[in-house]
Amino acid sequence: QNQQQSLENYGQNAQQSRQNFANNYANTYGSAGANGAWYGGGSPGTWGGYYAGMATAGAAGLAIGATVASLPAQSTPIAVQGSPYYYSGGVYYAPQGNGYAVVPPPKGAVIPSVPESSTTVYGAGKSYAYSNGVFYEAAGQGYEIVQPPVGVLVTSIPKGAVTVTVNGANYFEFGGTWYRPFYSGSDVVYQTVPNPTG
């Protein structure tokens, strides 16, 4: 019976921890938006919580908001606007209680290297590393997470992108970034575009 009670308490504590994280995140960055995405506010055409729409984090398959007791051994500490974060294998963590919560990639974070899955893309006269909907720009000794530039061509869009039809044209939206598909030869490619809904 003590073991059963212990398991029930653990489940309740874990659920409360996740709820506290969601509430704290919403209080800090804004309330939940469509598809459970957290949007960080901002006016139209600005950052607006871009990466907040990510449903999973990196190859680890951890959902945004998931908590872990300890960081992976290979994690790298990073600070963004004075807040501590940790990065490991495409996943970002922030301290929460006695553990760590998986969070969307924090804007402005500089990491030592891009994920192995990244490809080089070009737009706005610059080159970027691109991986699963996240754009990185070379910055000093690392790579900074940047707002997606308009006009970049990518060969894949993130899992979880939603199809939206605007004035008869199909678009894909993910985390506040809009992609317009078109053919390049026999291949489908996607171009980042301004929000077609205005």
C-alpha atoms as a PDB file:
ATOM      1  CA  GLN A   1       0.000   0.000   0.000  1.00  0.00           C
ATOM      2  CA  ASN A   2       2.848   2.419   0.771  1.00  0.00           C
ATOM      3  CA  GLN A   3       4.296   1.748  -2.690  1.00  0.00           C
ATOM      4  CA  GLN A   4       0.900   2.449  -4.316  1.00  0.00           C
ATOM      5  CA  GLN A   5       0.542   5.694  -2.342  1.00  0.00           C
ATOM      6  CA  SER A   6       4.084   6.660  -3.317  1.00  0.00           C
ATOM      7  CA  LEU A   7       3.315   6.087  -7.016  1.00  0.00           C
ATOM      8  CA  GLU A   8       0.109   8.128  -6.758  1.00  0.00           C
ATOM      9  CA  ASN A   9       1.976  10.980  -5.052  1.00  0.00           C
ATOM     10  CA  TYR A  10       4.678  10.855  -7.728  1.00  0.00           C
ATOM     11  CA  GLY A  11       2.049  11.070 -10.483  1.00  0.00           C
ATOM     12  CA  GLN A  12       0.273  13.965  -8.799  1.00  0.00           C
ATOM     13  CA  ASN A  13       3.552  15.810  -8.219  1.00  0.00           C
ATOM     14  CA  ALA A  14       4.640  15.281 -11.835  1.00  0.00           C
ATOM     15  CA  GLN A  15       1.288  16.535 -13.117  1.00  0.00           C
ATOM     16  CA  GLN A  16       1.445  19.573 -10.811  1.00  0.00           C
ATOM     17  CA  SER A  17       5.014  20.248 -11.957  1.00  0.00           C
ATOM     18  CA  ARG A  18       3.931  20.229 -15.615  1.00  0.00           C
ATOM     19  CA  GLN A  19       0.984  22.510 -14.828  1.00  0.00           C
ATOM     20  CA  ASN A  20       3.226  24.902 -12.890  1.00  0.00           C
ATOM     21  CA  PHE A  21       5.642  25.005 -15.823  1.00  0.00           C
ATOM     22  CA  ALA A  22       2.817  25.729 -18.273  1.00  0.00           C
ATOM     23  CA  ASN A  23       1.446  28.477 -16.025  1.00  0.00           C
ATOM     24  CA  ASN A  24       4.875  30.028 -15.466  1.00  0.00           C
ATOM     25  CA  TYR A  25       5.648  29.868 -19.168  1.00  0.00           C
ATOM     26  CA  ALA A  26       2.298  31.434 -20.079  1.00  0.00           C
ATOM     27  CA  ASN A  27       2.786  34.174 -17.485  1.00  0.00           C
ATOM     28  CA  THR A  28       6.254  34.919 -18.845  1.00  0.00           C
ATOM     29  CA  TYR A  29       5.760  34.530 -22.593  1.00  0.00           C
ATOM     30  CA  GLY A  30       2.020  34.819 -23.166  1.00  0.00           C
ATOM     31  CA  SER A  31      -0.964  32.533 -23.101  1.00  0.00           C
ATOM     32  CA  ALA A  32      -1.466  29.371 -25.082  1.00  0.00           C
ATOM     33  CA  GLY A  33      -2.328  29.866 -28.745  1.00  0.00           C
ATOM     34  CA  ALA A  34      -3.555  27.607 -31.514  1.00  0.00           C
ATOM     35  CA  ASN A  35      -2.439  23.978 -31.464  1.00  0.00           C
ATOM     36  CA  GLY A  36      -1.158  24.343 -27.897  1.00  0.00           C
ATOM     37  CA  ALA A  37       1.610  26.671 -29.027  1.00  0.00           C
ATOM     38  CA  TRP A  38       2.921  29.269 -26.667  1.00  0.00           C
ATOM     39  CA  TYR A  39       3.328  32.599 -28.353  1.00  0.00           C
ATOM     40  CA  GLY A  40       5.643  35.145 -26.835  1.00  0.00           C
ATOM     41  CA  GLY A  41       3.672  38.174 -27.891  1.00  0.00           C
ATOM     42  CA  GLY A  42       5.181  40.824 -30.076  1.00  0.00           C
ATOM     43  CA  SER A  43       3.477  42.758 -32.800  1.00  0.00           C
ATOM     44  CA  PRO A  44       2.691  41.290 -36.227  1.00  0.00           C
ATOM     45  CA  GLY A  45       5.782  40.876 -38.355  1.00  0.00           C
ATOM     46  CA  THR A  46       8.097  40.697 -35.341  1.00  0.00           C
ATOM     47  CA  TRP A  47       9.474  37.693 -33.486  1.00  0.00           C
ATOM     48  CA  GLY A  48       6.090  36.935 -31.910  1.00  0.00           C
ATOM     49  CA  GLY A  49       7.232  33.781 -30.163  1.00  0.00           C
ATOM     50  CA  TYR A  50       8.395  32.130 -33.363  1.00  0.00           C
ATOM     51  CA  TYR A  51       9.803  28.870 -32.122  1.00  0.00           C
ATOM     52  CA  ALA A  52       7.107  28.516 -29.496  1.00  0.00           C
ATOM     53  CA  GLY A  53       4.984  26.352 -31.777  1.00  0.00           C
ATOM     54  CA  MET A  54       7.392  23.461 -31.725  1.00  0.00           C
ATOM     55  CA  ALA A  55       5.650  20.303 -30.580  1.00  0.00           C
ATOM     56  CA  THR A  56       8.713  18.177 -29.975  1.00  0.00           C
ATOM     57  CA  ALA A  57      12.287  18.920 -29.225  1.00  0.00           C
ATOM     58  CA  GLY A  58      15.077  17.493 -31.314  1.00  0.00           C
ATOM     59  CA  ALA A  59      15.931  13.901 -31.937  1.00  0.00           C
ATOM     60  CA  ALA A  60      15.228  13.045 -28.310  1.00  0.00           C
ATOM     61  CA  GLY A  61      11.495  13.284 -29.020  1.00  0.00           C
ATOM     62  CA  LEU A  62      10.785  15.178 -25.813  1.00  0.00           C
ATOM     63  CA  ALA A  63       7.671  17.323 -25.831  1.00  0.00           C
ATOM     64  CA  ILE A  64       7.873  20.988 -24.939  1.00  0.00           C
ATOM     65  CA  GLY A  65       6.998  21.186 -21.247  1.00  0.00           C
ATOM     66  CA  ALA A  66       8.328  17.724 -20.397  1.00  0.00           C
ATOM     67  CA  THR A  67      10.455  17.631 -17.276  1.00  0.00           C
ATOM     68  CA  VAL A  68      13.588  15.653 -16.526  1.00  0.00           C
ATOM     69  CA  ALA A  69      15.370  15.119 -13.225  1.00  0.00           C
ATOM     70  CA  SER A  70      18.845  15.726 -14.627  1.00  0.00           C
ATOM     71  CA  LEU A  71      20.490  17.080 -17.741  1.00  0.00           C
ATOM     72  CA  PRO A  72      22.145  14.887 -20.362  1.00  0.00           C
ATOM     73  CA  ALA A  73      25.868  14.443 -19.686  1.00  0.00           C
ATOM     74  CA  GLN A  74      26.831  16.342 -22.854  1.00  0.00           C
ATOM     75  CA  SER A  75      24.677  19.440 -22.192  1.00  0.00           C
ATOM     76  CA  THR A  76      26.081  22.922 -22.772  1.00  0.00           C
ATOM     77  CA  PRO A  77      25.089  25.847 -20.515  1.00  0.00           C
ATOM     78  CA  ILE A  78      23.904  28.958 -22.365  1.00  0.00           C
ATOM     79  CA  ALA A  79      22.492  32.255 -21.128  1.00  0.00           C
ATOM     80  CA  VAL A  80      19.897  34.289 -22.997  1.00  0.00           C
ATOM     81  CA  GLN A  81      19.089  37.756 -21.671  1.00  0.00           C
ATOM     82  CA  GLY A  82      20.366  36.688 -18.257  1.00  0.00           C
ATOM     83  CA  SER A  83      18.274  33.512 -18.083  1.00  0.00           C
ATOM     84  CA  PRO A  84      20.037  30.146 -17.805  1.00  0.00           C
ATOM     85  CA  TYR A  85      19.379  27.424 -20.375  1.00  0.00           C
ATOM     86  CA  TYR A  86      21.059  24.186 -21.343  1.00  0.00           C
ATOM     87  CA  TYR A  87      21.411  22.685 -24.802  1.00  0.00           C
ATOM     88  CA  SER A  88      21.963  19.073 -25.811  1.00  0.00           C
ATOM     89  CA  GLY A  89      21.347  17.393 -29.155  1.00  0.00           C
ATOM     90  CA  GLY A  90      18.818  19.917 -30.432  1.00  0.00           C
ATOM     91  CA  VAL A  91      16.890  20.072 -27.141  1.00  0.00           C
ATOM     92  CA  TYR A  92      16.764  23.139 -24.885  1.00  0.00           C
ATOM     93  CA  TYR A  93      16.223  22.916 -21.138  1.00  0.00           C
ATOM     94  CA  ALA A  94      15.470  25.508 -18.456  1.00  0.00           C
ATOM     95  CA  PRO A  95      15.742  24.988 -14.697  1.00  0.00           C
ATOM     96  CA  GLN A  96      12.417  24.174 -13.065  1.00  0.00           C
ATOM     97  CA  GLY A  97      12.106  23.258  -9.419  1.00  0.00           C
ATOM     98  CA  ASN A  98      14.507  20.400  -8.690  1.00  0.00           C
ATOM     99  CA  GLY A  99      14.779  19.436 -12.366  1.00  0.00           C
ATOM    100  CA  TYR A 100      14.680  20.837 -15.864  1.00  0.00           C
ATOM    101  CA  ALA A 101      11.887  21.524 -18.344  1.00  0.00           C
ATOM    102  CA  VAL A 102      12.126  21.145 -22.112  1.00  0.00           C
ATOM    103  CA  VAL A 103      11.505  24.568 -23.655  1.00  0.00           C
ATOM    104  CA  PRO A 104      11.252  26.005 -27.185  1.00  0.00           C
ATOM    105  CA  PRO A 105      14.573  27.199 -28.625  1.00  0.00           C
ATOM    106  CA  PRO A 106      15.139  30.564 -26.936  1.00  0.00           C
ATOM    107  CA  LYS A 107      15.552  33.434 -29.380  1.00  0.00           C
ATOM    108  CA  GLY A 108      19.049  34.802 -29.350  1.00  0.00           C
ATOM    109  CA  ALA A 109      20.600  31.651 -27.897  1.00  0.00           C
ATOM    110  CA  VAL A 110      24.096  30.947 -29.194  1.00  0.00           C
ATOM    111  CA  ILE A 111      25.116  27.302 -29.332  1.00  0.00           C
ATOM    112  CA  PRO A 112      28.579  25.918 -30.128  1.00  0.00           C
ATOM    113  CA  SER A 113      27.492  23.835 -33.129  1.00  0.00           C
ATOM    114  CA  VAL A 114      24.346  23.186 -35.125  1.00  0.00           C
ATOM    115  CA  PRO A 115      22.517  19.838 -35.025  1.00  0.00           C
ATOM    116  CA  GLU A 116      23.982  17.176 -37.320  1.00  0.00           C
ATOM    117  CA  SER A 117      20.703  17.123 -39.239  1.00  0.00           C
ATOM    118  CA  SER A 118      21.062  20.760 -40.314  1.00  0.00           C
ATOM    119  CA  THR A 119      21.415  21.852 -43.923  1.00  0.00           C
ATOM    120  CA  THR A 120      22.678  25.136 -45.355  1.00  0.00           C
ATOM    121  CA  VAL A 121      20.009  27.419 -46.809  1.00  0.00           C
ATOM    122  CA  TYR A 122      20.224  30.914 -48.270  1.00  0.00           C
ATOM    123  CA  GLY A 123      18.077  34.010 -48.063  1.00  0.00           C
ATOM    124  CA  ALA A 124      18.235  37.755 -47.560  1.00  0.00           C
ATOM    125  CA  GLY A 125      21.835  37.700 -48.810  1.00  0.00           C
ATOM    126  CA  LYS A 126      23.002  35.378 -46.019  1.00  0.00           C
ATOM    127  CA  SER A 127      23.495  31.690 -45.373  1.00  0.00           C
ATOM    128  CA  TYR A 128      21.769  29.924 -42.505  1.00  0.00           C
ATOM    129  CA  ALA A 129      21.857  26.474 -40.987  1.00  0.00           C
ATOM    130  CA  TYR A 130      18.362  24.981 -40.920  1.00  0.00           C
ATOM    131  CA  SER A 131      17.110  22.016 -38.917  1.00  0.00           C
ATOM    132  CA  ASN A 132      13.515  21.019 -38.197  1.00  0.00           C
ATOM    133  CA  GLY A 133      12.158  24.539 -38.562  1.00  0.00           C
ATOM    134  CA  VAL A 134      14.927  26.292 -36.625  1.00  0.00           C
ATOM    135  CA  PHE A 135      17.229  28.784 -38.362  1.00  0.00           C
ATOM    136  CA  TYR A 136      20.776  29.369 -37.115  1.00  0.00           C
ATOM    137  CA  GLU A 137      23.160  32.142 -38.157  1.00  0.00           C
ATOM    138  CA  ALA A 138      26.926  32.053 -37.606  1.00  0.00           C
ATOM    139  CA  ALA A 139      27.804  34.279 -34.653  1.00  0.00           C
ATOM    140  CA  GLY A 140      31.350  34.508 -33.332  1.00  0.00           C
ATOM    141  CA  GLN A 141      32.360  31.096 -32.040  1.00  0.00           C
ATOM    142  CA  GLY A 142      28.905  29.563 -32.451  1.00  0.00           C
ATOM    143  CA  TYR A 143      25.490  29.796 -34.040  1.00  0.00           C
ATOM    144  CA  GLU A 144      22.628  32.035 -32.967  1.00  0.00           C
ATOM    145  CA  ILE A 145      18.968  31.052 -33.201  1.00  0.00           C
ATOM    146  CA  VAL A 146      17.369  33.724 -35.355  1.00  0.00           C
ATOM    147  CA  GLN A 147      13.930  34.711 -36.537  1.00  0.00           C
ATOM    148  CA  PRO A 148      13.224  32.911 -39.807  1.00  0.00           C
ATOM    149  CA  PRO A 149      14.051  35.189 -42.719  1.00  0.00           C
ATOM    150  CA  VAL A 150      11.463  35.642 -45.467  1.00  0.00           C
ATOM    151  CA  GLY A 151      12.411  34.211 -48.849  1.00  0.00           C
ATOM    152  CA  VAL A 152      14.504  31.241 -47.749  1.00  0.00           C
ATOM    153  CA  LEU A 153      14.028  27.984 -49.678  1.00  0.00           C
ATOM    154  CA  VAL A 154      14.000  24.733 -47.713  1.00  0.00           C
ATOM    155  CA  THR A 155      13.485  21.171 -48.913  1.00  0.00           C
ATOM    156  CA  SER A 156      11.505  20.041 -45.870  1.00  0.00           C
ATOM    157  CA  ILE A 157       9.175  21.550 -43.330  1.00  0.00           C
ATOM    158  CA  PRO A 158       8.880  20.573 -39.677  1.00  0.00           C
ATOM    159  CA  LYS A 159       6.645  17.707 -38.616  1.00  0.00           C
ATOM    160  CA  GLY A 160       3.500  19.201 -37.197  1.00  0.00           C
ATOM    161  CA  ALA A 161       3.217  21.993 -39.772  1.00  0.00           C
ATOM    162  CA  VAL A 162      -0.442  22.738 -40.462  1.00  0.00           C
ATOM    163  CA  THR A 163      -1.879  23.203 -43.962  1.00  0.00           C
ATOM    164  CA  VAL A 164      -3.757  26.500 -44.312  1.00  0.00           C
ATOM    165  CA  THR A 165      -5.556  27.643 -47.468  1.00  0.00           C
ATOM    166  CA  VAL A 166      -5.609  31.411 -47.999  1.00  0.00           C
ATOM    167  CA  ASN A 167      -7.354  32.857 -51.078  1.00  0.00           C
ATOM    168  CA  GLY A 168      -7.169  29.471 -52.788  1.00  0.00           C
ATOM    169  CA  ALA A 169      -3.424  29.009 -52.196  1.00  0.00           C
ATOM    170  CA  ASN A 170      -2.029  26.345 -49.860  1.00  0.00           C
ATOM    171  CA  TYR A 171       0.502  27.288 -47.202  1.00  0.00           C
ATOM    172  CA  PHE A 172       2.059  25.471 -44.282  1.00  0.00           C
ATOM    173  CA  GLU A 173       2.334  27.174 -40.912  1.00  0.00           C
ATOM    174  CA  PHE A 174       4.534  26.086 -38.049  1.00  0.00           C
ATOM    175  CA  GLY A 175       5.342  28.076 -34.949  1.00  0.00           C
ATOM    176  CA  GLY A 176       4.472  31.374 -36.592  1.00  0.00           C
ATOM    177  CA  THR A 177       6.471  30.746 -39.766  1.00  0.00           C
ATOM    178  CA  TRP A 178       4.652  30.371 -43.082  1.00  0.00           C
ATOM    179  CA  TYR A 179       5.910  28.206 -45.931  1.00  0.00           C
ATOM    180  CA  ARG A 180       4.629  28.274 -49.517  1.00  0.00           C
ATOM    181  CA  PRO A 181       5.197  25.053 -51.486  1.00  0.00           C
ATOM    182  CA  PHE A 182       6.100  25.038 -55.152  1.00  0.00           C
ATOM    183  CA  TYR A 183       7.876  22.862 -57.686  1.00  0.00           C
ATOM    184  CA  SER A 184      11.543  23.250 -58.499  1.00  0.00           C
ATOM    185  CA  GLY A 185      11.998  20.853 -61.386  1.00  0.00           C
ATOM    186  CA  SER A 186      10.351  17.660 -60.172  1.00  0.00           C
ATOM    187  CA  ASP A 187      10.918  18.405 -56.472  1.00  0.00           C
ATOM    188  CA  VAL A 188       8.649  20.230 -54.047  1.00  0.00           C
ATOM    189  CA  VAL A 189      10.432  22.994 -52.146  1.00  0.00           C
ATOM    190  CA  TYR A 190       9.121  25.451 -49.580  1.00  0.00           C
ATOM    191  CA  GLN A 191       9.771  29.166 -49.332  1.00  0.00           C
ATOM    192  CA  THR A 192       9.350  31.145 -46.136  1.00  0.00           C
ATOM    193  CA  VAL A 193       6.824  33.917 -46.752  1.00  0.00           C
ATOM    194  CA  PRO A 194       5.135  36.697 -44.771  1.00  0.00           C
ATOM    195  CA  ASN A 195       1.923  35.706 -43.003  1.00  0.00           C
ATOM    196  CA  PRO A 196      -0.616  35.598 -45.858  1.00  0.00           C
ATOM    197  CA  THR A 197      -3.538  36.244 -43.517  1.00  0.00           C
ATOM    198  CA  GLY A 198      -2.275  39.740 -42.781  1.00  0.00           C
END
